[in-house]
Every structure is written in C-alpha cells, then in structure tokens.
Amino acid sequence: MLVAATRLTPSQVARGVRHLRDVGAAENLTPIIWRRKDGYLFSDEPADWIEYEKKQFRLVLRVVPRSPWQERSAGARPLAQ
C-alpha cells in the first residue's frame, strides 16, 4: 500500500520504515509496528511492541543459517568433500 501511495520501490519503502524505526527508538518516540490486518501503525500499547519484536526475532532466527562448525547429531552423515 505504501509502495502504491508513494510510487517508491518496495526496497525504498522498507528502508524508509527502518529509518523511522531507528529514529523513533533513538528519540524514545512511539515505535512503528506492522500488523497483517492494519499494516504499519503507531501504537501506544507496550503489549503491541513486545508482540511485534517477538515476531521479528522469530523471523530472524529462521533466516540465520546454521553454522557449519556446529556439532552434528550422532546419526548425521558427514558432508562429502
């Protein structure tokens, strides 16, 4: 919706929203959050902030690849070299 309204690319909109979040956090302003049904919004409820941050954290955990140096499980086959 922001992309259509501003005629910016999705990456430009995402970068702008990240900038708003960073500036808001640095100046102790109300954080901007995103919900599927509402889109981006400012919320005064700490419970909303916490829920948003938990979802972001879970997203990052899914994206971060496992280290190749982590221990393999006992039944795992070694990687072909």
PDB file of N, CA and C in Angstrom:
ATOM      1  N   MET A   1       0.815  -1.176   0.000  1.00  0.00           N
ATOM      2  CA  MET A   1       0.000   0.000   0.000  1.00  0.00           C
ATOM      3  C   MET A   1       0.874   1.260   0.000  1.00  0.00           C
ATOM      4  N   LEU A   2       1.922   1.257   0.828  1.00  0.00           N
ATOM      5  CA  LEU A   2       2.835   2.395   0.820  1.00  0.00           C
ATOM      6  C   LEU A   2       3.553   2.525  -0.516  1.00  0.00           C
ATOM      7  N   VAL A   3       3.850   1.397  -1.134  1.00  0.00           N
ATOM      8  CA  VAL A   3       4.529   1.421  -2.427  1.00  0.00           C
ATOM      9  C   VAL A   3       3.641   2.117  -3.461  1.00  0.00           C
ATOM     10  N   ALA A   4       2.372   1.754  -3.502  1.00  0.00           N
ATOM     11  CA  ALA A   4       1.448   2.363  -4.466  1.00  0.00           C
ATOM     12  C   ALA A   4       1.208   3.837  -4.151  1.00  0.00           C
ATOM     13  N   ALA A   5       1.072   4.152  -2.868  1.00  0.00           N
ATOM     14  CA  ALA A   5       0.777   5.534  -2.476  1.00  0.00           C
ATOM     15  C   ALA A   5       1.955   6.471  -2.726  1.00  0.00           C
ATOM     16  N   THR A   6       3.171   5.970  -2.557  1.00  0.00           N
ATOM     17  CA  THR A   6       4.346   6.835  -2.685  1.00  0.00           C
ATOM     18  C   THR A   6       5.051   6.698  -4.030  1.00  0.00           C
ATOM     19  N   ARG A   7       4.696   5.638  -4.779  1.00  0.00           N
ATOM     20  CA  ARG A   7       5.342   5.332  -6.063  1.00  0.00           C
ATOM     21  C   ARG A   7       6.846   5.083  -5.902  1.00  0.00           C
ATOM     22  N   LEU A   8       7.216   4.576  -4.732  1.00  0.00           N
ATOM     23  CA  LEU A   8       8.597   4.169  -4.486  1.00  0.00           C
ATOM     24  C   LEU A   8       8.701   2.668  -4.686  1.00  0.00           C
ATOM     25  N   THR A   9       9.915   2.177  -4.781  1.00  0.00           N
ATOM     26  CA  THR A   9      10.114   0.730  -4.890  1.00  0.00           C
ATOM     27  C   THR A   9       9.910   0.101  -3.518  1.00  0.00           C
ATOM     28  N   PRO A  10       9.610  -1.192  -3.463  1.00  0.00           N
ATOM     29  CA  PRO A  10       9.455  -1.855  -2.168  1.00  0.00           C
ATOM     30  C   PRO A  10      10.703  -1.714  -1.284  1.00  0.00           C
ATOM     31  N   SER A  11      11.894  -1.771  -1.879  1.00  0.00           N
ATOM     32  CA  SER A  11      13.109  -1.640  -1.069  1.00  0.00           C
ATOM     33  C   SER A  11      13.247  -0.222  -0.501  1.00  0.00           C
ATOM     34  N   GLN A  12      12.829   0.796  -1.263  1.00  0.00           N
ATOM     35  CA  GLN A  12      12.888   2.166  -0.755  1.00  0.00           C
ATOM     36  C   GLN A  12      11.912   2.358   0.403  1.00  0.00           C
ATOM     37  N   VAL A  13      10.726   1.790   0.288  1.00  0.00           N
ATOM     38  CA  VAL A  13       9.738   1.887   1.364  1.00  0.00           C
ATOM     39  C   VAL A  13      10.254   1.164   2.608  1.00  0.00           C
ATOM     40  N   ALA A  14      10.809  -0.030   2.434  1.00  0.00           N
ATOM     41  CA  ALA A  14      11.340  -0.787   3.576  1.00  0.00           C
ATOM     42  C   ALA A  14      12.464  -0.023   4.260  1.00  0.00           C
ATOM     43  N   ARG A  15      13.347   0.580   3.477  1.00  0.00           N
ATOM     44  CA  ARG A  15      14.449   1.360   4.043  1.00  0.00           C
ATOM     45  C   ARG A  15      13.919   2.580   4.811  1.00  0.00           C
ATOM     46  N   GLY A  16      12.893   3.228   4.273  1.00  0.00           N
ATOM     47  CA  GLY A  16      12.289   4.374   4.946  1.00  0.00           C
ATOM     48  C   GLY A  16      11.637   3.993   6.268  1.00  0.00           C
ATOM     49  N   VAL A  17      10.951   2.859   6.283  1.00  0.00           N
ATOM     50  CA  VAL A  17      10.310   2.388   7.520  1.00  0.00           C
ATOM     51  C   VAL A  17      11.377   2.032   8.555  1.00  0.00           C
ATOM     52  N   ARG A  18      12.466   1.374   8.113  1.00  0.00           N
ATOM     53  CA  ARG A  18      13.556   1.071   9.050  1.00  0.00           C
ATOM     54  C   ARG A  18      14.145   2.351   9.620  1.00  0.00           C
ATOM     55  N   HIS A  19      14.289   3.371   8.781  1.00  0.00           N
ATOM     56  CA  HIS A  19      14.809   4.657   9.263  1.00  0.00           C
ATOM     57  C   HIS A  19      13.868   5.265  10.308  1.00  0.00           C
ATOM     58  N   LEU A  20      12.571   5.223  10.052  1.00  0.00           N
ATOM     59  CA  LEU A  20      11.602   5.735  11.032  1.00  0.00           C
ATOM     60  C   LEU A  20      11.711   4.979  12.356  1.00  0.00           C
ATOM     61  N   ARG A  21      11.871   3.664  12.267  1.00  0.00           N
ATOM     62  CA  ARG A  21      12.004   2.855  13.495  1.00  0.00           C
ATOM     63  C   ARG A  21      13.277   3.227  14.253  1.00  0.00           C
ATOM     64  N   ASP A  22      14.381   3.397  13.523  1.00  0.00           N
ATOM     65  CA  ASP A  22      15.656   3.744  14.165  1.00  0.00           C
ATOM     66  C   ASP A  22      15.593   5.124  14.816  1.00  0.00           C
ATOM     67  N   VAL A  23      15.063   6.105  14.097  1.00  0.00           N
ATOM     68  CA  VAL A  23      14.964   7.464  14.641  1.00  0.00           C
ATOM     69  C   VAL A  23      14.016   7.483  15.837  1.00  0.00           C
ATOM     70  N   GLY A  24      12.898   6.796  15.711  1.00  0.00           N
ATOM     71  CA  GLY A  24      11.940   6.738  16.816  1.00  0.00           C
ATOM     72  C   GLY A  24      12.536   6.102  18.059  1.00  0.00           C
ATOM     73  N   ALA A  25      13.308   5.043  17.876  1.00  0.00           N
ATOM     74  CA  ALA A  25      13.941   4.377  19.017  1.00  0.00           C
ATOM     75  C   ALA A  25      14.999   5.278  19.646  1.00  0.00           C
ATOM     76  N   ALA A  26      15.765   5.975  18.821  1.00  0.00           N
ATOM     77  CA  ALA A  26      16.829   6.847  19.331  1.00  0.00           C
ATOM     78  C   ALA A  26      16.261   8.030  20.119  1.00  0.00           C
ATOM     79  N   GLU A  27      15.085   8.484  19.722  1.00  0.00           N
ATOM     80  CA  GLU A  27      14.490   9.653  20.379  1.00  0.00           C
ATOM     81  C   GLU A  27      13.364   9.286  21.325  1.00  0.00           C
ATOM     82  N   ASN A  28      13.243   7.982  21.655  1.00  0.00           N
ATOM     83  CA  ASN A  28      12.223   7.491  22.582  1.00  0.00           C
ATOM     84  C   ASN A  28      10.810   7.877  22.165  1.00  0.00           C
ATOM     85  N   LEU A  29      10.537   7.788  20.872  1.00  0.00           N
ATOM     86  CA  LEU A  29       9.198   8.070  20.353  1.00  0.00           C
ATOM     87  C   LEU A  29       8.394   6.776  20.288  1.00  0.00           C
ATOM     88  N   THR A  30       7.116   6.903  20.018  1.00  0.00           N
ATOM     89  CA  THR A  30       6.265   5.728  19.879  1.00  0.00           C
ATOM     90  C   THR A  30       6.746   4.898  18.693  1.00  0.00           C
ATOM     91  N   PRO A  31       7.016   3.610  18.906  1.00  0.00           N
ATOM     92  CA  PRO A  31       7.533   2.784  17.811  1.00  0.00           C
ATOM     93  C   PRO A  31       6.485   2.512  16.736  1.00  0.00           C
ATOM     94  N   ILE A  32       6.957   2.321  15.519  1.00  0.00           N
ATOM     95  CA  ILE A  32       6.086   1.931  14.418  1.00  0.00           C
ATOM     96  C   ILE A  32       6.124   0.407  14.339  1.00  0.00           C
ATOM     97  N   ILE A  33       4.947  -0.198  14.212  1.00  0.00           N
ATOM     98  CA  ILE A  33       4.842  -1.651  14.122  1.00  0.00           C
ATOM     99  C   ILE A  33       4.058  -2.004  12.862  1.00  0.00           C
ATOM    100  N   TRP A  34       4.027  -3.287  12.529  1.00  0.00           N
ATOM    101  CA  TRP A  34       3.276  -3.751  11.370  1.00  0.00           C
ATOM    102  C   TRP A  34       2.415  -4.920  11.782  1.00  0.00           C
ATOM    103  N   ARG A  35       1.160  -4.886  11.362  1.00  0.00           N
ATOM    104  CA  ARG A  35       0.229  -5.998  11.562  1.00  0.00           C
ATOM    105  C   ARG A  35      -0.375  -6.360  10.221  1.00  0.00           C
ATOM    106  N   ARG A  36      -0.652  -7.637  10.049  1.00  0.00           N
ATOM    107  CA  ARG A  36      -1.213  -8.090   8.780  1.00  0.00           C
ATOM    108  C   ARG A  36      -2.527  -7.371   8.469  1.00  0.00           C
ATOM    109  N   LYS A  37      -3.416  -7.232   9.455  1.00  0.00           N
ATOM    110  CA  LYS A  37      -4.726  -6.634   9.178  1.00  0.00           C
ATOM    111  C   LYS A  37      -4.687  -5.111   9.101  1.00  0.00           C
ATOM    112  N   ASP A  38      -3.735  -4.456   9.796  1.00  0.00           N
ATOM    113  CA  ASP A  38      -3.709  -2.993   9.861  1.00  0.00           C
ATOM    114  C   ASP A  38      -2.593  -2.356   9.055  1.00  0.00           C
ATOM    115  N   GLY A  39      -1.567  -3.127   8.698  1.00  0.00           N
ATOM    116  CA  GLY A  39      -0.391  -2.566   8.037  1.00  0.00           C
ATOM    117  C   GLY A  39       0.484  -1.846   9.065  1.00  0.00           C
ATOM    118  N   TYR A  40       1.196  -0.806   8.629  1.00  0.00           N
ATOM    119  CA  TYR A  40       2.068  -0.053   9.531  1.00  0.00           C
ATOM    120  C   TYR A  40       1.240   0.903  10.374  1.00  0.00           C
ATOM    121  N   LEU A  41       1.587   1.014  11.654  1.00  0.00           N
ATOM    122  CA  LEU A  41       0.889   1.943  12.529  1.00  0.00           C
ATOM    123  C   LEU A  41       1.742   2.263  13.749  1.00  0.00           C
ATOM    124  N   PHE A  42       1.385   3.362  14.402  1.00  0.00           N
ATOM    125  CA  PHE A  42       1.994   3.726  15.677  1.00  0.00           C
ATOM    126  C   PHE A  42       1.074   3.223  16.765  1.00  0.00           C
ATOM    127  N   SER A  43       1.612   2.540  17.750  1.00  0.00           N
ATOM    128  CA  SER A  43       0.799   2.006  18.838  1.00  0.00           C
ATOM    129  C   SER A  43       1.358   2.485  20.172  1.00  0.00           C
ATOM    130  N   ASP A  44       0.473   2.885  21.058  1.00  0.00           N
ATOM    131  CA  ASP A  44       0.879   3.319  22.396  1.00  0.00           C
ATOM    132  C   ASP A  44       0.906   2.160  23.387  1.00  0.00           C
ATOM    133  N   GLU A  45       0.492   0.977  22.955  1.00  0.00           N
ATOM    134  CA  GLU A  45       0.408  -0.178  23.845  1.00  0.00           C
ATOM    135  C   GLU A  45       1.713  -0.957  23.881  1.00  0.00           C
ATOM    136  N   PRO A  46       2.366  -1.034  25.039  1.00  0.00           N
ATOM    137  CA  PRO A  46       3.605  -1.833  25.135  1.00  0.00           C
ATOM    138  C   PRO A  46       3.415  -3.296  24.729  1.00  0.00           C
ATOM    139  N   ALA A  47       2.242  -3.858  24.959  1.00  0.00           N
ATOM    140  CA  ALA A  47       1.997  -5.250  24.570  1.00  0.00           C
ATOM    141  C   ALA A  47       2.124  -5.416  23.053  1.00  0.00           C
ATOM    142  N   ASP A  48       1.697  -4.417  22.287  1.00  0.00           N
ATOM    143  CA  ASP A  48       1.833  -4.465  20.827  1.00  0.00           C
ATOM    144  C   ASP A  48       3.302  -4.446  20.423  1.00  0.00           C
ATOM    145  N   TRP A  49       4.096  -3.610  21.084  1.00  0.00           N
ATOM    146  CA  TRP A  49       5.527  -3.508  20.777  1.00  0.00           C
ATOM    147  C   TRP A  49       6.209  -4.838  21.036  1.00  0.00           C
ATOM    148  N   ILE A  50       5.885  -5.439  22.190  1.00  0.00           N
ATOM    149  CA  ILE A  50       6.518  -6.706  22.580  1.00  0.00           C
ATOM    150  C   ILE A  50       6.162  -7.802  21.584  1.00  0.00           C
ATOM    151  N   GLU A  51       4.885  -7.895  21.217  1.00  0.00           N
ATOM    152  CA  GLU A  51       4.456  -8.911  20.262  1.00  0.00           C
ATOM    153  C   GLU A  51       5.149  -8.724  18.918  1.00  0.00           C
ATOM    154  N   TYR A  52       5.270  -7.486  18.458  1.00  0.00           N
ATOM    155  CA  TYR A  52       5.939  -7.206  17.192  1.00  0.00           C
ATOM    156  C   TYR A  52       7.404  -7.630  17.250  1.00  0.00           C
ATOM    157  N   GLU A  53       8.093  -7.270  18.326  1.00  0.00           N
ATOM    158  CA  GLU A  53       9.515  -7.622  18.454  1.00  0.00           C
ATOM    159  C   GLU A  53       9.716  -9.124  18.542  1.00  0.00           C
ATOM    160  N   LYS A  54       8.811  -9.838  19.210  1.00  0.00           N
ATOM    161  CA  LYS A  54       8.903 -11.298  19.264  1.00  0.00           C
ATOM    162  C   LYS A  54       8.784 -11.904  17.873  1.00  0.00           C
ATOM    163  N   LYS A  55       7.846 -11.386  17.077  1.00  0.00           N
ATOM    164  CA  LYS A  55       7.674 -11.894  15.719  1.00  0.00           C
ATOM    165  C   LYS A  55       8.908 -11.599  14.864  1.00  0.00           C
ATOM    166  N   GLN A  56       9.477 -10.415  15.022  1.00  0.00           N
ATOM    167  CA  GLN A  56      10.686 -10.071  14.273  1.00  0.00           C
ATOM    168  C   GLN A  56      11.841 -10.986  14.665  1.00  0.00           C
ATOM    169  N   PHE A  57      11.974 -11.276  15.957  1.00  0.00           N
ATOM    170  CA  PHE A  57      13.038 -12.140  16.447  1.00  0.00           C
ATOM    171  C   PHE A  57      12.885 -13.546  15.866  1.00  0.00           C
ATOM    172  N   ARG A  58      11.651 -14.065  15.871  1.00  0.00           N
ATOM    173  CA  ARG A  58      11.412 -15.390  15.295  1.00  0.00           C
ATOM    174  C   ARG A  58      11.762 -15.414  13.811  1.00  0.00           C
ATOM    175  N   LEU A  59      11.446 -14.337  13.108  1.00  0.00           N
ATOM    176  CA  LEU A  59      11.772 -14.242  11.691  1.00  0.00           C
ATOM    177  C   LEU A  59      13.280 -14.296  11.475  1.00  0.00           C
ATOM    178  N   VAL A  60      14.034 -13.565  12.291  1.00  0.00           N
ATOM    179  CA  VAL A  60      15.493 -13.557  12.169  1.00  0.00           C
ATOM    180  C   VAL A  60      16.058 -14.943  12.462  1.00  0.00           C
ATOM    181  N   LEU A  61      15.514 -15.626  13.450  1.00  0.00           N
ATOM    182  CA  LEU A  61      16.004 -16.967  13.772  1.00  0.00           C
ATOM    183  C   LEU A  61      15.798 -17.937  12.617  1.00  0.00           C
ATOM    184  N   ARG A  62      14.746 -17.757  11.841  1.00  0.00           N
ATOM    185  CA  ARG A  62      14.511 -18.634  10.696  1.00  0.00           C
ATOM    186  C   ARG A  62      15.461 -18.317   9.553  1.00  0.00           C
ATOM    187  N   VAL A  63      15.916 -17.085   9.461  1.00  0.00           N
ATOM    188  CA  VAL A  63      16.759 -16.662   8.343  1.00  0.00           C
ATOM    189  C   VAL A  63      18.232 -16.966   8.585  1.00  0.00           C
ATOM    190  N   VAL A  64      18.680 -16.880   9.818  1.00  0.00           N
ATOM    191  CA  VAL A  64      20.093 -17.087  10.135  1.00  0.00           C
ATOM    192  C   VAL A  64      20.457 -18.540   9.868  1.00  0.00           C
ATOM    193  N   PRO A  65      21.428 -18.770   8.993  1.00  0.00           N
ATOM    194  CA  PRO A  65      21.798 -20.151   8.681  1.00  0.00           C
ATOM    195  C   PRO A  65      22.573 -20.793   9.834  1.00  0.00           C
ATOM    196  N   ARG A  66      22.490 -22.079   9.886  1.00  0.00           N
ATOM    197  CA  ARG A  66      23.255 -22.808  10.901  1.00  0.00           C
ATOM    198  C   ARG A  66      24.723 -22.754  10.552  1.00  0.00           C
ATOM    199  N   SER A  67      25.545 -22.693  11.542  1.00  0.00           N
ATOM    200  CA  SER A  67      26.983 -22.664  11.338  1.00  0.00           C
ATOM    201  C   SER A  67      27.466 -24.050  10.914  1.00  0.00           C
ATOM    202  N   PRO A  68      28.368 -24.129   9.952  1.00  0.00           N
ATOM    203  CA  PRO A  68      28.885 -25.445   9.551  1.00  0.00           C
ATOM    204  C   PRO A  68      29.757 -26.077  10.631  1.00  0.00           C
ATOM    205  N   TRP A  69      30.147 -25.299  11.643  1.00  0.00           N
ATOM    206  CA  TRP A  69      31.010 -25.816  12.702  1.00  0.00           C
ATOM    207  C   TRP A  69      30.229 -26.327  13.889  1.00  0.00           C
ATOM    208  N   GLN A  70      28.900 -26.221  13.851  1.00  0.00           N
ATOM    209  CA  GLN A  70      28.111 -26.745  14.957  1.00  0.00           C
ATOM    210  C   GLN A  70      28.204 -28.262  14.974  1.00  0.00           C
ATOM    211  N   GLU A  71      28.055 -28.826  16.155  1.00  0.00           N
ATOM    212  CA  GLU A  71      28.117 -30.283  16.267  1.00  0.00           C
ATOM    213  C   GLU A  71      26.979 -30.908  15.483  1.00  0.00           C
ATOM    214  N   ARG A  72      27.301 -31.999  14.816  1.00  0.00           N
ATOM    215  CA  ARG A  72      26.266 -32.735  14.104  1.00  0.00           C
ATOM    216  C   ARG A  72      25.650 -33.734  15.067  1.00  0.00           C
ATOM    217  N   SER A  73      24.409 -34.087  14.802  1.00  0.00           N
ATOM    218  CA  SER A  73      23.768 -35.105  15.643  1.00  0.00           C
ATOM    219  C   SER A  73      24.470 -36.446  15.421  1.00  0.00           C
ATOM    220  N   ALA A  74      24.297 -37.384  16.338  1.00  0.00           N
ATOM    221  CA  ALA A  74      25.005 -38.661  16.307  1.00  0.00           C
ATOM    222  C   ALA A  74      24.716 -39.449  15.022  1.00  0.00           C
ATOM    223  N   GLY A  75      23.502 -39.340  14.473  1.00  0.00           N
ATOM    224  CA  GLY A  75      23.140 -40.109  13.300  1.00  0.00           C
ATOM    225  C   GLY A  75      23.417 -39.410  11.988  1.00  0.00           C
ATOM    226  N   ALA A  76      23.962 -38.226  12.018  1.00  0.00           N
ATOM    227  CA  ALA A  76      24.163 -37.464  10.783  1.00  0.00           C
ATOM    228  C   ALA A  76      25.358 -37.994  10.006  1.00  0.00           C
ATOM    229  N   ARG A  77      25.234 -38.005   8.683  1.00  0.00           N
ATOM    230  CA  ARG A  77      26.332 -38.425   7.831  1.00  0.00           C
ATOM    231  C   ARG A  77      27.266 -37.237   7.610  1.00  0.00           C
ATOM    232  N   PRO A  78      28.563 -37.475   7.484  1.00  0.00           N
ATOM    233  CA  PRO A  78      29.482 -36.359   7.200  1.00  0.00           C
ATOM    234  C   PRO A  78      29.229 -35.812   5.808  1.00  0.00           C
ATOM    235  N   LEU A  79      29.535 -34.558   5.612  1.00  0.00           N
ATOM    236  CA  LEU A  79      29.383 -33.917   4.315  1.00  0.00           C
ATOM    237  C   LEU A  79      30.424 -34.430   3.350  1.00  0.00           C
ATOM    238  N   ALA A  80      30.055 -34.589   2.091  1.00  0.00           N
ATOM    239  CA  ALA A  80      31.001 -35.019   1.069  1.00  0.00           C
ATOM    240  C   ALA A  80      31.998 -33.894   0.815  1.00  0.00           C
ATOM    241  N   GLN A  81      33.249 -34.278   0.628  1.00  0.00           N
ATOM    242  CA  GLN A  81      34.268 -33.248   0.425  1.00  0.00           C
ATOM    243  C   GLN A  81      34.923 -33.350  -0.901  1.00  0.00           C
TER     244      GLN A  81
END
